[in-house]
Amino acid sequence: MNYLIVGAGLFGAAFAREAAKRGHEVTVIEKRDHVAGNIYTKEIDGIQVHQYGAHIFHTSNKEVWEYVQQFAEFNRYTNSPVANYKGKMYNLPFNMNTFTQMWGVRTPQEAMDKI
């Protein structure tokens, strides 16, 4: 079977590779001068620069994690956003602990009433 893949982002590149490994004829068309789509990273003066903005890859699927590890080295990262509300810092996403810190409420209903 022959495949025409339009775009060499995550899905297109992975599909093309796996199809080719299984003996299929694959043609990939990509408008950019690089593969990896919006997660493309280039090195400038020894620094990895995210060409299209920061990207985070996460999965709880061990098989997926092992698959992607063969193509790139990943840094350990935990996304920990915070919000500044009236000069105090609060962890996000909002939860009952956040609402208790902000407003002194103790139950979801009290938070709903405040909101």
C-alpha atoms as a PDB file:
ATOM      1  CA  MET A   1       0.000   0.000   0.000  1.00  0.00           C
ATOM      2  CA  ASN A   2       1.200   3.546  -0.756  1.00  0.00           C
ATOM      3  CA  TYR A   3       0.716   6.497   1.596  1.00  0.00           C
ATOM      4  CA  LEU A   4       0.882  10.222   0.970  1.00  0.00           C
ATOM      5  CA  ILE A   5       1.463  12.046   4.258  1.00  0.00           C
ATOM      6  CA  VAL A   6       0.774  15.783   4.324  1.00  0.00           C
ATOM      7  CA  GLY A   7       2.757  17.354   7.141  1.00  0.00           C
ATOM      8  CA  ALA A   8       5.743  16.030   9.082  1.00  0.00           C
ATOM      9  CA  GLY A   9       4.565  17.019  12.561  1.00  0.00           C
ATOM     10  CA  LEU A  10       4.219  14.504  15.366  1.00  0.00           C
ATOM     11  CA  PHE A  11       1.491  12.391  13.805  1.00  0.00           C
ATOM     12  CA  GLY A  12       2.653  12.612  10.195  1.00  0.00           C
ATOM     13  CA  ALA A  13       6.281  11.807  10.962  1.00  0.00           C
ATOM     14  CA  ALA A  14       5.441   8.945  13.322  1.00  0.00           C
ATOM     15  CA  PHE A  15       2.894   7.444  10.937  1.00  0.00           C
ATOM     16  CA  ALA A  16       5.303   7.709   7.998  1.00  0.00           C
ATOM     17  CA  ARG A  17       8.092   6.027   9.944  1.00  0.00           C
ATOM     18  CA  GLU A  18       5.924   3.176  11.174  1.00  0.00           C
ATOM     19  CA  ALA A  19       4.348   2.600   7.756  1.00  0.00           C
ATOM     20  CA  ALA A  20       7.790   2.539   6.088  1.00  0.00           C
ATOM     21  CA  LYS A  21       9.058   0.060   8.722  1.00  0.00           C
ATOM     22  CA  ARG A  22       6.185  -2.213   7.714  1.00  0.00           C
ATOM     23  CA  GLY A  23       7.214  -2.112   4.069  1.00  0.00           C
ATOM     24  CA  HIS A  24       4.772   0.480   2.726  1.00  0.00           C
ATOM     25  CA  GLU A  25       5.748   3.133   0.211  1.00  0.00           C
ATOM     26  CA  VAL A  26       5.537   6.519   1.909  1.00  0.00           C
ATOM     27  CA  THR A  27       5.775  10.040   0.515  1.00  0.00           C
ATOM     28  CA  VAL A  28       5.805  12.952   2.954  1.00  0.00           C
ATOM     29  CA  ILE A  29       4.988  16.500   1.880  1.00  0.00           C
ATOM     30  CA  GLU A  30       6.025  19.259   4.280  1.00  0.00           C
ATOM     31  CA  LYS A  31       5.777  23.001   3.558  1.00  0.00           C
ATOM     32  CA  ARG A  32       8.452  23.926   6.102  1.00  0.00           C
ATOM     33  CA  ASP A  33      12.157  23.263   5.672  1.00  0.00           C
ATOM     34  CA  HIS A  34      12.182  20.928   8.700  1.00  0.00           C
ATOM     35  CA  VAL A  35      10.280  18.073  10.301  1.00  0.00           C
ATOM     36  CA  ALA A  36       8.598  18.080  13.747  1.00  0.00           C
ATOM     37  CA  GLY A  37       5.847  20.626  13.044  1.00  0.00           C
ATOM     38  CA  ASN A  38       5.235  23.101  15.853  1.00  0.00           C
ATOM     39  CA  ILE A  39       7.513  21.237  18.265  1.00  0.00           C
ATOM     40  CA  TYR A  40      10.577  21.890  16.111  1.00  0.00           C
ATOM     41  CA  THR A  41      13.606  22.927  18.131  1.00  0.00           C
ATOM     42  CA  LYS A  42      16.817  24.298  16.672  1.00  0.00           C
ATOM     43  CA  GLU A  43      20.176  24.852  18.303  1.00  0.00           C
ATOM     44  CA  ILE A  44      21.552  28.382  18.322  1.00  0.00           C
ATOM     45  CA  ASP A  45      24.937  28.926  19.974  1.00  0.00           C
ATOM     46  CA  GLY A  46      24.525  25.728  22.010  1.00  0.00           C
ATOM     47  CA  ILE A  47      21.035  26.653  23.214  1.00  0.00           C
ATOM     48  CA  GLN A  48      17.904  24.705  22.248  1.00  0.00           C
ATOM     49  CA  VAL A  49      15.403  27.258  20.915  1.00  0.00           C
ATOM     50  CA  HIS A  50      11.732  26.353  20.552  1.00  0.00           C
ATOM     51  CA  GLN A  51      11.035  27.895  17.149  1.00  0.00           C
ATOM     52  CA  TYR A  52       7.256  28.097  17.586  1.00  0.00           C
ATOM     53  CA  GLY A  53       7.000  28.557  21.356  1.00  0.00           C
ATOM     54  CA  ALA A  54       7.493  26.309  24.339  1.00  0.00           C
ATOM     55  CA  HIS A  55       6.215  22.759  24.118  1.00  0.00           C
ATOM     56  CA  ILE A  56       5.656  20.097  26.744  1.00  0.00           C
ATOM     57  CA  PHE A  57       5.210  16.418  25.961  1.00  0.00           C
ATOM     58  CA  HIS A  58       3.657  14.297  28.665  1.00  0.00           C
ATOM     59  CA  THR A  59       2.075  10.882  28.790  1.00  0.00           C
ATOM     60  CA  SER A  60       1.344   8.236  31.385  1.00  0.00           C
ATOM     61  CA  ASN A  61       1.664   5.525  28.726  1.00  0.00           C
ATOM     62  CA  LYS A  62       5.047   3.802  29.202  1.00  0.00           C
ATOM     63  CA  GLU A  63       5.070   2.408  25.650  1.00  0.00           C
ATOM     64  CA  VAL A  64       4.501   5.880  24.154  1.00  0.00           C
ATOM     65  CA  TRP A  65       7.180   7.387  26.418  1.00  0.00           C
ATOM     66  CA  GLU A  66       9.739   4.762  25.378  1.00  0.00           C
ATOM     67  CA  TYR A  67       8.839   5.288  21.708  1.00  0.00           C
ATOM     68  CA  VAL A  68       9.450   9.046  21.762  1.00  0.00           C
ATOM     69  CA  GLN A  69      12.637   8.687  23.827  1.00  0.00           C
ATOM     70  CA  GLN A  70      14.363   7.048  20.866  1.00  0.00           C
ATOM     71  CA  PHE A  71      14.131  10.280  18.852  1.00  0.00           C
ATOM     72  CA  ALA A  72      15.009  12.996  21.362  1.00  0.00           C
ATOM     73  CA  GLU A  73      16.290  13.566  24.863  1.00  0.00           C
ATOM     74  CA  PHE A  74      13.621  15.011  27.121  1.00  0.00           C
ATOM     75  CA  ASN A  75      14.171  17.152  30.194  1.00  0.00           C
ATOM     76  CA  ARG A  76      12.206  16.356  33.344  1.00  0.00           C
ATOM     77  CA  TYR A  77       9.628  19.096  33.788  1.00  0.00           C
ATOM     78  CA  THR A  78       6.613  19.578  36.031  1.00  0.00           C
ATOM     79  CA  ASN A  79       4.200  22.297  34.996  1.00  0.00           C
ATOM     80  CA  SER A  80       3.485  24.363  38.131  1.00  0.00           C
ATOM     81  CA  PRO A  81       1.580  27.502  37.153  1.00  0.00           C
ATOM     82  CA  VAL A  82       0.766  30.106  39.763  1.00  0.00           C
ATOM     83  CA  ALA A  83      -1.521  33.116  39.961  1.00  0.00           C
ATOM     84  CA  ASN A  84      -0.911  36.417  41.711  1.00  0.00           C
ATOM     85  CA  TYR A  85      -4.104  37.546  43.409  1.00  0.00           C
ATOM     86  CA  LYS A  86      -3.952  40.727  45.461  1.00  0.00           C
ATOM     87  CA  GLY A  87      -0.209  40.283  45.997  1.00  0.00           C
ATOM     88  CA  LYS A  88      -0.358  36.637  47.108  1.00  0.00           C
ATOM     89  CA  MET A  89       0.728  33.641  45.028  1.00  0.00           C
ATOM     90  CA  TYR A  90      -1.651  30.692  44.525  1.00  0.00           C
ATOM     91  CA  ASN A  91      -1.075  27.389  42.768  1.00  0.00           C
ATOM     92  CA  LEU A  92      -3.142  26.578  39.703  1.00  0.00           C
ATOM     93  CA  PRO A  93      -5.415  25.042  38.647  1.00  0.00           C
ATOM     94  CA  PHE A  94      -7.821  26.414  41.214  1.00  0.00           C
ATOM     95  CA  ASN A  95      -9.108  23.896  43.745  1.00  0.00           C
ATOM     96  CA  MET A  96     -10.718  23.986  47.194  1.00  0.00           C
ATOM     97  CA  ASN A  97      -7.345  24.674  48.814  1.00  0.00           C
ATOM     98  CA  THR A  98      -6.971  27.752  46.611  1.00  0.00           C
ATOM     99  CA  PHE A  99     -10.454  29.000  47.476  1.00  0.00           C
ATOM    100  CA  THR A 100      -9.836  28.410  51.176  1.00  0.00           C
ATOM    101  CA  GLN A 101      -6.618  30.438  50.982  1.00  0.00           C
ATOM    102  CA  MET A 102      -8.260  33.229  48.990  1.00  0.00           C
ATOM    103  CA  TRP A 103     -11.663  33.495  50.612  1.00  0.00           C
ATOM    104  CA  GLY A 104     -11.656  31.350  53.751  1.00  0.00           C
ATOM    105  CA  VAL A 105     -14.390  29.065  52.376  1.00  0.00           C
ATOM    106  CA  ARG A 106     -14.488  25.394  53.402  1.00  0.00           C
ATOM    107  CA  THR A 107     -16.999  23.686  51.090  1.00  0.00           C
ATOM    108  CA  PRO A 108     -17.667  23.623  47.349  1.00  0.00           C
ATOM    109  CA  GLN A 109     -21.036  25.255  47.984  1.00  0.00           C
ATOM    110  CA  GLU A 110     -19.395  28.136  49.859  1.00  0.00           C
ATOM    111  CA  ALA A 111     -16.977  28.582  46.935  1.00  0.00           C
ATOM    112  CA  MET A 112     -19.883  28.547  44.454  1.00  0.00           C
ATOM    113  CA  ASP A 113     -21.731  31.141  46.533  1.00  0.00           C
ATOM    114  CA  LYS A 114     -18.614  33.353  46.568  1.00  0.00           C
ATOM    115  CA  ILE A 115     -18.080  32.980  42.831  1.00  0.00           C
END
